[in-house]
Amino acid sequence: MTRRTPGSGADASPELGRVLAIDTATPGGSIALRVGGETRERVLEWRASFRQAAPAIDELLAEAGILPGELDAIAVPSGPGSFTGLRVGAALALGLARITGVTLSAVPTLAAVAEAFAPPTPARVCATLDARRGRFYAALYDRVRPAYWRLVAGPLDATPAEIVALAEAAPVVGPDPAAASPAGLAGAVALLASADPARYALIAPEELKLIYARPGVDSR
């Protein structure tokens, strides 16, 4: 995945004003529009997220009075996540980016999980996402500053015992797999892409590479 060159250390790049985020990769799929530091979000029904995504995008843009070409970036989770969901969201984001010429940003899904679910105090968290069949996607992140997470280890497809070993003393955070209506991650994706665009923006939409955290799939 080729990205624009990020700033060094804890220096932040200028925050973007208008970011659309599309998440169909997680059970609580959602669409979010971040404008001027405020985020509006539409939660999608899991089994209907693919057909609800485009209308939700149209509604959010219309409410804000923004045309698609006036966006600063279109952001999408780059994985891990649902195999089909990742690809559907990426295809929609790629299509919009190509049509409008707007920059495409790829945000690691577990960085968005850390941003959305980490308590305010700990500097390190283990972000997790249900991978089904008793397994979870997991990654260890350090909070460098607000809306900036540095990957320490992972992502990996892990058992609960492996997550305990990975986290050590760090809190394990993530959406509740048993929740009837899981919260979407699009708001966190939009925030991260907006707060540090140089870190997540791709040189060209075609450079998007999805990460599945499963060697047999990632190596294809």
N, C-alpha and C. Protein backbone atom coordinates (compact mmCIF):
# COMPACT_ATOMS: atom_id res chain seq x y z
N MET A 1 0.84 -1.17 0.00
CA MET A 1 0.00 0.00 0.00
C MET A 1 0.88 1.23 0.00
N THR A 2 0.78 2.07 -0.98
CA THR A 2 1.60 3.26 -1.08
C THR A 2 0.83 4.44 -0.51
N ARG A 3 1.44 5.14 0.40
CA ARG A 3 0.79 6.29 1.02
C ARG A 3 1.61 7.55 0.76
N ARG A 4 0.96 8.69 0.99
CA ARG A 4 1.70 9.94 0.96
C ARG A 4 2.66 9.94 2.14
N THR A 5 3.75 10.66 2.04
CA THR A 5 4.77 10.64 3.08
C THR A 5 4.25 11.33 4.33
N PRO A 6 4.20 10.63 5.48
CA PRO A 6 3.70 11.23 6.70
C PRO A 6 4.75 12.09 7.38
N GLY A 7 4.27 12.94 8.30
CA GLY A 7 5.20 13.72 9.09
C GLY A 7 5.92 12.83 10.06
N SER A 8 6.98 13.30 10.65
CA SER A 8 7.77 12.49 11.57
C SER A 8 7.29 12.69 13.00
N GLY A 9 7.61 11.69 13.83
CA GLY A 9 7.34 11.81 15.25
C GLY A 9 5.87 12.04 15.52
N ALA A 10 5.60 12.97 16.44
CA ALA A 10 4.23 13.24 16.83
C ALA A 10 3.68 14.46 16.11
N ASP A 11 4.36 14.96 15.08
CA ASP A 11 3.88 16.11 14.34
C ASP A 11 2.66 15.72 13.53
N ALA A 12 1.59 16.49 13.65
CA ALA A 12 0.37 16.18 12.93
C ALA A 12 0.30 16.96 11.63
N SER A 13 -0.27 16.35 10.60
CA SER A 13 -0.52 17.07 9.36
C SER A 13 -1.81 17.86 9.53
N PRO A 14 -2.03 18.88 8.71
CA PRO A 14 -3.24 19.70 8.86
C PRO A 14 -4.51 18.85 8.75
N GLU A 15 -5.46 19.11 9.65
CA GLU A 15 -6.68 18.31 9.65
C GLU A 15 -7.54 18.65 8.45
N LEU A 16 -8.15 17.62 7.87
CA LEU A 16 -9.04 17.81 6.75
C LEU A 16 -10.42 18.25 7.23
N GLY A 17 -11.09 19.04 6.43
CA GLY A 17 -12.39 19.57 6.84
C GLY A 17 -13.57 18.70 6.47
N ARG A 18 -13.46 17.94 5.37
CA ARG A 18 -14.62 17.19 4.88
C ARG A 18 -14.21 15.77 4.50
N VAL A 19 -14.58 14.81 5.33
CA VAL A 19 -14.19 13.42 5.10
C VAL A 19 -15.42 12.53 5.17
N LEU A 20 -15.60 11.72 4.15
CA LEU A 20 -16.66 10.71 4.13
C LEU A 20 -16.02 9.36 4.41
N ALA A 21 -16.59 8.60 5.35
CA ALA A 21 -16.06 7.28 5.69
C ALA A 21 -17.13 6.21 5.45
N ILE A 22 -16.70 5.09 4.88
CA ILE A 22 -17.59 3.99 4.53
C ILE A 22 -17.10 2.73 5.24
N ASP A 23 -17.93 2.17 6.12
CA ASP A 23 -17.56 0.92 6.80
C ASP A 23 -18.64 -0.13 6.59
N THR A 24 -18.36 -1.09 5.74
CA THR A 24 -19.23 -2.27 5.62
C THR A 24 -18.44 -3.52 6.02
N ALA A 25 -17.30 -3.33 6.68
CA ALA A 25 -16.40 -4.43 7.01
C ALA A 25 -16.65 -5.02 8.38
N THR A 26 -17.46 -4.35 9.20
CA THR A 26 -17.70 -4.80 10.57
C THR A 26 -19.19 -5.01 10.78
N PRO A 27 -19.58 -5.81 11.78
CA PRO A 27 -21.00 -6.10 11.99
C PRO A 27 -21.86 -4.86 12.17
N GLY A 28 -21.33 -3.82 12.80
CA GLY A 28 -22.07 -2.57 12.94
C GLY A 28 -21.70 -1.61 11.84
N GLY A 29 -21.92 -1.97 10.60
CA GLY A 29 -21.53 -1.12 9.48
C GLY A 29 -22.16 0.26 9.57
N SER A 30 -21.48 1.25 9.03
CA SER A 30 -22.01 2.61 9.11
C SER A 30 -21.34 3.49 8.06
N ILE A 31 -21.97 4.64 7.83
CA ILE A 31 -21.43 5.68 6.97
C ILE A 31 -21.31 6.93 7.82
N ALA A 32 -20.19 7.64 7.71
CA ALA A 32 -20.00 8.85 8.51
C ALA A 32 -19.49 9.99 7.62
N LEU A 33 -19.92 11.18 7.96
CA LEU A 33 -19.43 12.39 7.29
C LEU A 33 -18.92 13.33 8.35
N ARG A 34 -17.62 13.65 8.29
CA ARG A 34 -17.01 14.57 9.24
C ARG A 34 -16.78 15.91 8.55
N VAL A 35 -17.39 16.95 9.08
CA VAL A 35 -17.28 18.29 8.49
C VAL A 35 -16.99 19.29 9.60
N GLY A 36 -15.87 20.01 9.46
CA GLY A 36 -15.54 21.04 10.43
C GLY A 36 -15.42 20.54 11.85
N GLY A 37 -14.91 19.33 12.04
CA GLY A 37 -14.70 18.80 13.38
C GLY A 37 -15.92 18.12 13.98
N GLU A 38 -17.05 18.07 13.26
CA GLU A 38 -18.25 17.39 13.74
C GLU A 38 -18.58 16.22 12.82
N THR A 39 -19.07 15.14 13.41
CA THR A 39 -19.32 13.91 12.64
C THR A 39 -20.80 13.54 12.70
N ARG A 40 -21.35 13.28 11.52
CA ARG A 40 -22.70 12.71 11.41
C ARG A 40 -22.53 11.27 10.93
N GLU A 41 -23.36 10.39 11.48
CA GLU A 41 -23.17 8.97 11.17
C GLU A 41 -24.51 8.28 10.96
N ARG A 42 -24.55 7.36 9.99
CA ARG A 42 -25.71 6.52 9.75
C ARG A 42 -25.31 5.07 9.98
N VAL A 43 -26.00 4.41 10.89
CA VAL A 43 -25.74 3.00 11.16
C VAL A 43 -26.49 2.16 10.12
N LEU A 44 -25.82 1.13 9.60
CA LEU A 44 -26.40 0.27 8.59
C LEU A 44 -26.80 -1.07 9.21
N GLU A 45 -27.87 -1.66 8.73
CA GLU A 45 -28.23 -2.99 9.16
C GLU A 45 -27.22 -3.97 8.56
N TRP A 46 -26.73 -4.91 9.38
CA TRP A 46 -25.63 -5.78 8.96
C TRP A 46 -25.95 -6.52 7.67
N ARG A 47 -27.11 -7.13 7.60
CA ARG A 47 -27.45 -7.93 6.43
C ARG A 47 -27.97 -7.08 5.28
N ALA A 48 -28.13 -5.78 5.51
CA ALA A 48 -28.62 -4.90 4.45
C ALA A 48 -27.64 -3.76 4.17
N SER A 49 -26.44 -3.84 4.78
CA SER A 49 -25.51 -2.71 4.67
C SER A 49 -25.09 -2.42 3.24
N PHE A 50 -25.00 -3.46 2.41
CA PHE A 50 -24.53 -3.25 1.05
C PHE A 50 -25.52 -2.40 0.24
N ARG A 51 -26.81 -2.63 0.44
CA ARG A 51 -27.79 -1.84 -0.32
C ARG A 51 -28.12 -0.52 0.37
N GLN A 52 -27.83 -0.41 1.67
CA GLN A 52 -28.12 0.83 2.39
C GLN A 52 -26.99 1.85 2.31
N ALA A 53 -25.79 1.42 1.96
CA ALA A 53 -24.63 2.32 2.01
C ALA A 53 -24.77 3.51 1.08
N ALA A 54 -25.07 3.27 -0.19
CA ALA A 54 -25.15 4.37 -1.16
C ALA A 54 -26.24 5.38 -0.80
N PRO A 55 -27.47 4.94 -0.45
CA PRO A 55 -28.46 5.93 -0.02
C PRO A 55 -28.04 6.72 1.21
N ALA A 56 -27.36 6.06 2.15
CA ALA A 56 -26.90 6.76 3.36
C ALA A 56 -25.87 7.85 3.01
N ILE A 57 -24.99 7.54 2.06
CA ILE A 57 -24.01 8.54 1.60
C ILE A 57 -24.74 9.74 1.01
N ASP A 58 -25.70 9.47 0.14
CA ASP A 58 -26.46 10.56 -0.49
C ASP A 58 -27.16 11.42 0.55
N GLU A 59 -27.76 10.78 1.56
CA GLU A 59 -28.48 11.51 2.60
C GLU A 59 -27.54 12.42 3.40
N LEU A 60 -26.40 11.88 3.81
CA LEU A 60 -25.46 12.67 4.62
C LEU A 60 -24.92 13.86 3.84
N LEU A 61 -24.55 13.64 2.59
CA LEU A 61 -24.04 14.74 1.78
C LEU A 61 -25.11 15.79 1.55
N ALA A 62 -26.34 15.36 1.29
CA ALA A 62 -27.43 16.31 1.07
C ALA A 62 -27.71 17.13 2.32
N GLU A 63 -27.71 16.49 3.48
CA GLU A 63 -27.95 17.20 4.75
C GLU A 63 -26.89 18.27 4.98
N ALA A 64 -25.65 17.96 4.61
CA ALA A 64 -24.55 18.91 4.83
C ALA A 64 -24.41 19.92 3.69
N GLY A 65 -25.17 19.71 2.61
CA GLY A 65 -25.07 20.61 1.45
C GLY A 65 -23.74 20.50 0.74
N ILE A 66 -23.21 19.28 0.67
CA ILE A 66 -21.90 19.06 0.06
C ILE A 66 -22.05 18.14 -1.14
N LEU A 67 -21.40 18.48 -2.24
CA LEU A 67 -21.35 17.61 -3.40
C LEU A 67 -20.20 16.62 -3.22
N PRO A 68 -20.28 15.42 -3.79
CA PRO A 68 -19.20 14.45 -3.62
C PRO A 68 -17.83 14.99 -4.00
N GLY A 69 -17.76 15.77 -5.05
CA GLY A 69 -16.47 16.32 -5.49
C GLY A 69 -15.90 17.38 -4.58
N GLU A 70 -16.70 17.84 -3.61
CA GLU A 70 -16.23 18.86 -2.67
C GLU A 70 -15.61 18.25 -1.41
N LEU A 71 -15.60 16.93 -1.32
CA LEU A 71 -14.97 16.26 -0.19
C LEU A 71 -13.46 16.41 -0.25
N ASP A 72 -12.81 16.37 0.91
CA ASP A 72 -11.34 16.36 0.97
C ASP A 72 -10.80 14.95 0.87
N ALA A 73 -11.58 13.97 1.36
CA ALA A 73 -11.13 12.58 1.32
C ALA A 73 -12.31 11.64 1.48
N ILE A 74 -12.16 10.45 0.93
CA ILE A 74 -13.09 9.35 1.15
C ILE A 74 -12.28 8.26 1.85
N ALA A 75 -12.72 7.87 3.04
CA ALA A 75 -11.94 6.93 3.86
C ALA A 75 -12.66 5.60 3.99
N VAL A 76 -11.87 4.54 4.08
CA VAL A 76 -12.42 3.19 4.18
C VAL A 76 -11.51 2.35 5.08
N PRO A 77 -12.08 1.44 5.87
CA PRO A 77 -11.22 0.53 6.64
C PRO A 77 -10.44 -0.38 5.68
N SER A 78 -9.17 -0.56 5.96
CA SER A 78 -8.33 -1.39 5.08
C SER A 78 -8.19 -2.81 5.60
N GLY A 79 -8.87 -3.14 6.71
CA GLY A 79 -8.82 -4.48 7.26
C GLY A 79 -7.98 -4.54 8.53
N PRO A 80 -8.14 -5.69 9.20
CA PRO A 80 -8.96 -6.84 8.86
C PRO A 80 -10.44 -6.60 9.12
N GLY A 81 -11.27 -7.56 8.68
CA GLY A 81 -12.71 -7.45 8.83
C GLY A 81 -13.37 -8.52 8.00
N SER A 82 -14.67 -8.41 7.83
CA SER A 82 -15.40 -9.36 7.00
C SER A 82 -14.81 -9.37 5.58
N PHE A 83 -14.51 -10.56 5.06
CA PHE A 83 -13.90 -10.66 3.73
C PHE A 83 -14.77 -9.97 2.68
N THR A 84 -16.05 -10.31 2.64
CA THR A 84 -16.95 -9.70 1.66
C THR A 84 -17.19 -8.23 1.97
N GLY A 85 -17.39 -7.91 3.27
CA GLY A 85 -17.65 -6.54 3.65
C GLY A 85 -16.52 -5.60 3.31
N LEU A 86 -15.28 -6.03 3.54
CA LEU A 86 -14.13 -5.21 3.18
C LEU A 86 -14.13 -4.88 1.69
N ARG A 87 -14.40 -5.89 0.89
CA ARG A 87 -14.34 -5.72 -0.56
C ARG A 87 -15.48 -4.85 -1.08
N VAL A 88 -16.65 -4.99 -0.50
CA VAL A 88 -17.79 -4.16 -0.93
C VAL A 88 -17.55 -2.69 -0.59
N GLY A 89 -17.13 -2.43 0.65
CA GLY A 89 -16.85 -1.06 1.04
C GLY A 89 -15.73 -0.45 0.23
N ALA A 90 -14.69 -1.24 -0.02
CA ALA A 90 -13.56 -0.75 -0.81
C ALA A 90 -13.99 -0.44 -2.24
N ALA A 91 -14.83 -1.31 -2.81
CA ALA A 91 -15.30 -1.08 -4.19
C ALA A 91 -16.11 0.21 -4.28
N LEU A 92 -16.97 0.44 -3.30
CA LEU A 92 -17.77 1.66 -3.29
C LEU A 92 -16.89 2.90 -3.14
N ALA A 93 -15.93 2.84 -2.20
CA ALA A 93 -15.03 3.96 -1.99
C ALA A 93 -14.15 4.21 -3.21
N LEU A 94 -13.64 3.13 -3.82
CA LEU A 94 -12.82 3.27 -5.02
C LEU A 94 -13.60 3.92 -6.15
N GLY A 95 -14.85 3.47 -6.34
CA GLY A 95 -15.67 4.04 -7.39
C GLY A 95 -15.90 5.53 -7.19
N LEU A 96 -16.22 5.93 -5.96
CA LEU A 96 -16.44 7.34 -5.67
C LEU A 96 -15.17 8.16 -5.88
N ALA A 97 -14.04 7.61 -5.42
CA ALA A 97 -12.77 8.34 -5.55
C ALA A 97 -12.41 8.53 -7.01
N ARG A 98 -12.62 7.52 -7.82
CA ARG A 98 -12.29 7.62 -9.25
C ARG A 98 -13.20 8.61 -9.96
N ILE A 99 -14.49 8.57 -9.64
CA ILE A 99 -15.45 9.45 -10.32
C ILE A 99 -15.23 10.91 -9.94
N THR A 100 -14.94 11.15 -8.66
CA THR A 100 -14.84 12.53 -8.17
C THR A 100 -13.44 13.09 -8.21
N GLY A 101 -12.43 12.21 -8.24
CA GLY A 101 -11.05 12.69 -8.15
C GLY A 101 -10.63 13.01 -6.73
N VAL A 102 -11.47 12.64 -5.75
CA VAL A 102 -11.16 12.91 -4.35
C VAL A 102 -10.16 11.86 -3.84
N THR A 103 -9.27 12.28 -2.95
CA THR A 103 -8.27 11.39 -2.36
C THR A 103 -8.93 10.23 -1.60
N LEU A 104 -8.40 9.04 -1.77
CA LEU A 104 -8.85 7.87 -1.02
C LEU A 104 -7.89 7.63 0.14
N SER A 105 -8.44 7.44 1.33
CA SER A 105 -7.65 7.16 2.52
C SER A 105 -7.99 5.77 3.05
N ALA A 106 -6.96 5.02 3.47
CA ALA A 106 -7.13 3.67 3.99
C ALA A 106 -6.70 3.65 5.45
N VAL A 107 -7.64 3.37 6.33
CA VAL A 107 -7.38 3.37 7.78
C VAL A 107 -7.46 1.94 8.29
N PRO A 108 -6.41 1.42 8.95
CA PRO A 108 -6.49 0.07 9.51
C PRO A 108 -7.71 -0.08 10.41
N THR A 109 -8.46 -1.14 10.21
CA THR A 109 -9.70 -1.33 10.96
C THR A 109 -9.46 -1.32 12.47
N LEU A 110 -8.39 -1.98 12.92
CA LEU A 110 -8.16 -2.08 14.36
C LEU A 110 -7.66 -0.77 14.97
N ALA A 111 -7.07 0.11 14.17
CA ALA A 111 -6.75 1.45 14.67
C ALA A 111 -8.05 2.20 14.93
N ALA A 112 -9.04 2.01 14.05
CA ALA A 112 -10.35 2.63 14.28
C ALA A 112 -11.03 2.04 15.50
N VAL A 113 -10.86 0.73 15.72
CA VAL A 113 -11.40 0.10 16.93
C VAL A 113 -10.77 0.72 18.17
N ALA A 114 -9.46 0.89 18.16
CA ALA A 114 -8.77 1.50 19.30
C ALA A 114 -9.32 2.91 19.56
N GLU A 115 -9.47 3.69 18.50
CA GLU A 115 -9.98 5.05 18.65
C GLU A 115 -11.40 5.06 19.19
N ALA A 116 -12.23 4.14 18.71
CA ALA A 116 -13.64 4.14 19.08
C ALA A 116 -13.89 3.60 20.49
N PHE A 117 -13.08 2.64 20.94
CA PHE A 117 -13.42 1.92 22.17
C PHE A 117 -12.41 2.06 23.31
N ALA A 118 -11.26 2.65 23.07
CA ALA A 118 -10.27 2.79 24.15
C ALA A 118 -10.73 3.77 25.21
N PRO A 119 -10.55 3.44 26.48
CA PRO A 119 -10.82 4.42 27.54
C PRO A 119 -9.82 5.56 27.44
N PRO A 120 -10.12 6.71 28.04
CA PRO A 120 -9.27 7.89 27.84
C PRO A 120 -7.89 7.81 28.46
N THR A 121 -7.70 6.97 29.49
CA THR A 121 -6.43 7.00 30.22
C THR A 121 -5.32 6.14 29.64
N PRO A 122 -5.53 4.85 29.35
CA PRO A 122 -4.39 4.00 28.98
C PRO A 122 -3.70 4.47 27.70
N ALA A 123 -2.38 4.38 27.69
CA ALA A 123 -1.62 4.72 26.49
C ALA A 123 -1.51 3.55 25.54
N ARG A 124 -1.76 2.32 26.02
CA ARG A 124 -1.66 1.13 25.17
C ARG A 124 -2.93 0.30 25.32
N VAL A 125 -3.46 -0.17 24.19
CA VAL A 125 -4.63 -1.04 24.21
C VAL A 125 -4.46 -2.16 23.21
N CYS A 126 -5.17 -3.25 23.45
CA CYS A 126 -5.24 -4.34 22.48
C CYS A 126 -6.62 -4.24 21.82
N ALA A 127 -6.66 -3.85 20.56
CA ALA A 127 -7.91 -3.68 19.83
C ALA A 127 -8.32 -5.01 19.21
N THR A 128 -9.58 -5.38 19.37
CA THR A 128 -10.05 -6.67 18.86
C THR A 128 -11.35 -6.51 18.08
N LEU A 129 -11.57 -7.48 17.20
CA LEU A 129 -12.77 -7.51 16.38
C LEU A 129 -13.14 -8.97 16.15
N ASP A 130 -14.41 -9.29 16.29
CA ASP A 130 -14.87 -10.67 16.15
C ASP A 130 -14.55 -11.22 14.76
N ALA A 131 -13.83 -12.35 14.71
CA ALA A 131 -13.50 -13.00 13.43
C ALA A 131 -14.31 -14.27 13.23
N ARG A 132 -15.28 -14.51 14.11
CA ARG A 132 -16.16 -15.67 14.04
C ARG A 132 -15.47 -16.96 14.45
N ARG A 133 -16.27 -17.97 14.78
CA ARG A 133 -15.79 -19.30 15.16
C ARG A 133 -14.82 -19.26 16.34
N GLY A 134 -15.09 -18.37 17.29
CA GLY A 134 -14.29 -18.30 18.50
C GLY A 134 -12.94 -17.62 18.34
N ARG A 135 -12.73 -16.96 17.22
CA ARG A 135 -11.46 -16.26 16.99
C ARG A 135 -11.71 -14.76 16.84
N PHE A 136 -10.62 -13.99 17.00
CA PHE A 136 -10.72 -12.53 16.93
C PHE A 136 -9.53 -11.98 16.16
N TYR A 137 -9.76 -10.90 15.45
CA TYR A 137 -8.65 -10.12 14.90
C TYR A 137 -8.15 -9.23 16.04
N ALA A 138 -6.84 -9.09 16.16
CA ALA A 138 -6.29 -8.33 17.27
C ALA A 138 -5.01 -7.60 16.86
N ALA A 139 -4.80 -6.46 17.48
CA ALA A 139 -3.56 -5.70 17.28
C ALA A 139 -3.31 -4.85 18.51
N LEU A 140 -2.04 -4.69 18.84
CA LEU A 140 -1.64 -3.88 19.98
C LEU A 140 -1.25 -2.49 19.49
N TYR A 141 -1.84 -1.46 20.11
CA TYR A 141 -1.60 -0.07 19.68
C TYR A 141 -1.20 0.80 20.86
N ASP A 142 -0.32 1.75 20.60
CA ASP A 142 0.01 2.80 21.55
C ASP A 142 -0.62 4.10 21.09
N ARG A 143 -1.23 4.83 22.04
CA ARG A 143 -1.77 6.16 21.74
C ARG A 143 -0.63 7.17 21.86
N VAL A 144 -0.26 7.78 20.75
CA VAL A 144 0.82 8.78 20.74
C VAL A 144 0.28 10.15 21.10
N ARG A 145 -0.89 10.43 20.59
CA ARG A 145 -1.60 11.69 20.85
C ARG A 145 -3.05 11.45 20.47
N PRO A 146 -3.94 12.39 20.76
CA PRO A 146 -5.34 12.18 20.35
C PRO A 146 -5.47 11.87 18.86
N ALA A 147 -6.23 10.83 18.55
CA ALA A 147 -6.50 10.43 17.17
C ALA A 147 -5.25 10.00 16.42
N TYR A 148 -4.25 9.48 17.13
CA TYR A 148 -3.04 8.96 16.49
C TYR A 148 -2.59 7.73 17.25
N TRP A 149 -2.65 6.57 16.58
CA TRP A 149 -2.29 5.29 17.19
C TRP A 149 -1.13 4.67 16.44
N ARG A 150 -0.12 4.21 17.20
CA ARG A 150 1.04 3.56 16.60
C ARG A 150 0.92 2.05 16.81
N LEU A 151 1.04 1.29 15.72
CA LEU A 151 0.95 -0.16 15.80
C LEU A 151 2.18 -0.73 16.49
N VAL A 152 1.95 -1.57 17.49
CA VAL A 152 3.03 -2.21 18.23
C VAL A 152 3.19 -3.66 17.77
N ALA A 153 2.07 -4.37 17.61
CA ALA A 153 2.10 -5.77 17.18
C ALA A 153 0.78 -6.13 16.51
N GLY A 154 0.84 -7.04 15.53
CA GLY A 154 -0.34 -7.46 14.80
C GLY A 154 -0.44 -6.71 13.47
N PRO A 155 -1.59 -6.82 12.82
CA PRO A 155 -2.78 -7.54 13.25
C PRO A 155 -2.63 -9.05 13.06
N LEU A 156 -3.38 -9.79 13.85
CA LEU A 156 -3.35 -11.25 13.72
C LEU A 156 -4.73 -11.83 13.98
N ASP A 157 -4.91 -13.04 13.52
CA ASP A 157 -6.14 -13.80 13.73
C ASP A 157 -5.87 -14.70 14.94
N ALA A 158 -6.50 -14.40 16.08
CA ALA A 158 -6.07 -15.00 17.35
C ALA A 158 -7.20 -15.67 18.11
N THR A 159 -6.81 -16.61 18.97
CA THR A 159 -7.72 -17.19 19.93
C THR A 159 -7.78 -16.26 21.15
N PRO A 160 -8.79 -16.42 22.01
CA PRO A 160 -8.82 -15.61 23.23
C PRO A 160 -7.55 -15.73 24.06
N ALA A 161 -6.96 -16.92 24.14
CA ALA A 161 -5.73 -17.09 24.92
C ALA A 161 -4.58 -16.31 24.28
N GLU A 162 -4.52 -16.31 22.98
CA GLU A 162 -3.46 -15.56 22.28
C GLU A 162 -3.64 -14.06 22.46
N ILE A 163 -4.88 -13.62 22.57
CA ILE A 163 -5.14 -12.20 22.81
C ILE A 163 -4.64 -11.80 24.19
N VAL A 164 -4.87 -12.65 25.19
CA VAL A 164 -4.39 -12.36 26.54
C VAL A 164 -2.86 -12.23 26.53
N ALA A 165 -2.18 -13.12 25.81
CA ALA A 165 -0.72 -13.06 25.73
C ALA A 165 -0.27 -11.81 25.00
N LEU A 166 -0.97 -11.43 23.94
CA LEU A 166 -0.61 -10.23 23.18
C LEU A 166 -0.80 -8.97 24.00
N ALA A 167 -1.92 -8.90 24.71
CA ALA A 167 -2.25 -7.69 25.46
C ALA A 167 -1.37 -7.49 26.69
N GLU A 168 -0.96 -8.60 27.31
CA GLU A 168 -0.26 -8.53 28.60
C GLU A 168 -1.10 -7.70 29.57
N ALA A 169 -0.63 -6.53 30.01
CA ALA A 169 -1.38 -5.74 30.99
C ALA A 169 -2.29 -4.71 30.34
N ALA A 170 -2.27 -4.61 29.02
CA ALA A 170 -3.05 -3.58 28.34
C ALA A 170 -4.53 -3.95 28.31
N PRO A 171 -5.43 -2.97 28.37
CA PRO A 171 -6.86 -3.27 28.25
C PRO A 171 -7.18 -3.84 26.87
N VAL A 172 -8.08 -4.82 26.84
CA VAL A 172 -8.57 -5.37 25.57
C VAL A 172 -9.88 -4.67 25.24
N VAL A 173 -9.94 -4.03 24.08
CA VAL A 173 -11.10 -3.22 23.73
C VAL A 173 -11.66 -3.65 22.38
N GLY A 174 -12.93 -3.35 22.16
CA GLY A 174 -13.56 -3.66 20.89
C GLY A 174 -15.06 -3.74 21.04
N PRO A 175 -15.78 -3.82 19.93
CA PRO A 175 -17.23 -3.95 20.01
C PRO A 175 -17.63 -5.28 20.61
N ASP A 176 -18.77 -5.29 21.27
CA ASP A 176 -19.29 -6.51 21.90
C ASP A 176 -19.89 -7.41 20.82
N PRO A 177 -19.30 -8.59 20.56
CA PRO A 177 -19.82 -9.46 19.52
C PRO A 177 -21.25 -9.93 19.78
N ALA A 178 -21.69 -9.87 21.04
CA ALA A 178 -23.03 -10.33 21.38
C ALA A 178 -24.07 -9.21 21.31
N ALA A 179 -23.64 -7.98 21.03
CA ALA A 179 -24.57 -6.85 20.99
C ALA A 179 -25.57 -7.02 19.85
N ALA A 180 -26.82 -6.70 20.13
CA ALA A 180 -27.86 -6.81 19.10
C ALA A 180 -27.64 -5.80 17.99
N SER A 181 -27.18 -4.61 18.35
CA SER A 181 -26.94 -3.55 17.36
C SER A 181 -25.55 -2.97 17.59
N PRO A 182 -24.51 -3.61 17.05
CA PRO A 182 -23.14 -3.13 17.27
C PRO A 182 -22.94 -1.72 16.72
N ALA A 183 -22.11 -0.95 17.39
CA ALA A 183 -21.82 0.40 16.93
C ALA A 183 -20.91 0.35 15.71
N GLY A 184 -21.15 1.22 14.76
CA GLY A 184 -20.32 1.27 13.56
C GLY A 184 -18.99 1.95 13.82
N LEU A 185 -18.05 1.73 12.92
CA LEU A 185 -16.71 2.30 13.06
C LEU A 185 -16.46 3.48 12.11
N ALA A 186 -17.42 3.81 11.27
CA ALA A 186 -17.17 4.84 10.27
C ALA A 186 -16.79 6.18 10.90
N GLY A 187 -17.39 6.52 12.04
CA GLY A 187 -17.04 7.77 12.69
C GLY A 187 -15.58 7.83 13.09
N ALA A 188 -15.06 6.72 13.65
CA ALA A 188 -13.65 6.66 14.04
C ALA A 188 -12.75 6.67 12.82
N VAL A 189 -13.16 5.99 11.74
CA VAL A 189 -12.38 6.00 10.49
C VAL A 189 -12.29 7.42 9.96
N ALA A 190 -13.41 8.13 9.95
CA ALA A 190 -13.42 9.51 9.46
C ALA A 190 -12.53 10.41 10.31
N LEU A 191 -12.59 10.23 11.64
CA LEU A 191 -11.77 11.04 12.54
C LEU A 191 -10.28 10.83 12.29
N LEU A 192 -9.85 9.56 12.20
CA LEU A 192 -8.43 9.28 11.99
C LEU A 192 -7.96 9.81 10.64
N ALA A 193 -8.76 9.59 9.60
CA ALA A 193 -8.37 10.08 8.27
C ALA A 193 -8.32 11.59 8.23
N SER A 194 -9.21 12.24 8.98
CA SER A 194 -9.24 13.70 9.02
C SER A 194 -8.10 14.27 9.83
N ALA A 195 -7.81 13.64 10.98
CA ALA A 195 -6.80 14.18 11.90
C ALA A 195 -5.39 14.08 11.36
N ASP A 196 -5.09 13.06 10.56
CA ASP A 196 -3.73 12.89 10.04
C ASP A 196 -3.79 12.38 8.59
N PRO A 197 -4.21 13.23 7.67
CA PRO A 197 -4.39 12.79 6.27
C PRO A 197 -3.13 12.26 5.62
N ALA A 198 -1.99 12.83 5.95
CA ALA A 198 -0.74 12.38 5.31
C ALA A 198 -0.42 10.94 5.67
N ARG A 199 -0.91 10.48 6.79
CA ARG A 199 -0.61 9.12 7.23
C ARG A 199 -1.45 8.09 6.47
N TYR A 200 -2.67 8.45 6.13
CA TYR A 200 -3.59 7.46 5.58
C TYR A 200 -3.92 7.66 4.10
N ALA A 201 -3.64 8.82 3.55
CA ALA A 201 -3.99 9.08 2.15
C ALA A 201 -3.13 8.26 1.20
N LEU A 202 -3.75 7.71 0.17
CA LEU A 202 -3.04 6.93 -0.83
C LEU A 202 -2.62 7.81 -2.00
N ILE A 203 -1.53 7.45 -2.65
CA ILE A 203 -1.07 8.19 -3.82
C ILE A 203 -2.14 8.16 -4.91
N ALA A 204 -2.75 6.99 -5.10
CA ALA A 204 -3.81 6.81 -6.09
C ALA A 204 -4.78 5.76 -5.56
N PRO A 205 -6.07 5.82 -5.93
CA PRO A 205 -7.04 4.84 -5.42
C PRO A 205 -6.63 3.40 -5.68
N GLU A 206 -5.96 3.17 -6.81
CA GLU A 206 -5.57 1.81 -7.18
C GLU A 206 -4.54 1.21 -6.23
N GLU A 207 -3.93 2.05 -5.37
CA GLU A 207 -2.93 1.56 -4.42
C GLU A 207 -3.55 0.91 -3.18
N LEU A 208 -4.88 0.94 -3.08
CA LEU A 208 -5.54 0.35 -1.92
C LEU A 208 -5.26 -1.15 -1.84
N LYS A 209 -4.77 -1.59 -0.69
CA LYS A 209 -4.54 -3.01 -0.44
C LYS A 209 -5.25 -3.39 0.85
N LEU A 210 -6.11 -4.37 0.78
CA LEU A 210 -6.86 -4.81 1.95
C LEU A 210 -6.06 -5.86 2.72
N ILE A 211 -6.13 -5.79 4.05
CA ILE A 211 -5.41 -6.69 4.93
C ILE A 211 -6.43 -7.59 5.62
N TYR A 212 -6.27 -8.89 5.45
CA TYR A 212 -7.23 -9.83 6.03
C TYR A 212 -6.70 -10.52 7.29
N ALA A 213 -5.42 -10.32 7.63
CA ALA A 213 -4.79 -10.90 8.82
C ALA A 213 -4.79 -12.41 8.79
N ARG A 214 -4.87 -12.98 7.59
CA ARG A 214 -4.78 -14.43 7.42
C ARG A 214 -3.78 -14.67 6.30
N PRO A 215 -2.60 -15.25 6.62
CA PRO A 215 -1.52 -15.36 5.65
C PRO A 215 -1.92 -15.96 4.31
N GLY A 216 -2.77 -16.98 4.33
CA GLY A 216 -3.17 -17.62 3.09
C GLY A 216 -3.95 -16.71 2.18
N VAL A 217 -4.65 -15.74 2.77
CA VAL A 217 -5.43 -14.79 1.99
C VAL A 217 -4.60 -13.58 1.61
N ASP A 218 -3.85 -13.04 2.59
CA ASP A 218 -3.04 -11.85 2.33
C ASP A 218 -1.95 -12.09 1.28
N SER A 219 -1.49 -13.32 1.14
CA SER A 219 -0.39 -13.60 0.21
C SER A 219 -0.86 -13.77 -1.23
N ARG A 220 -2.19 -13.79 -1.45
CA ARG A 220 -2.68 -14.00 -2.81
C ARG A 220 -2.49 -12.76 -3.67
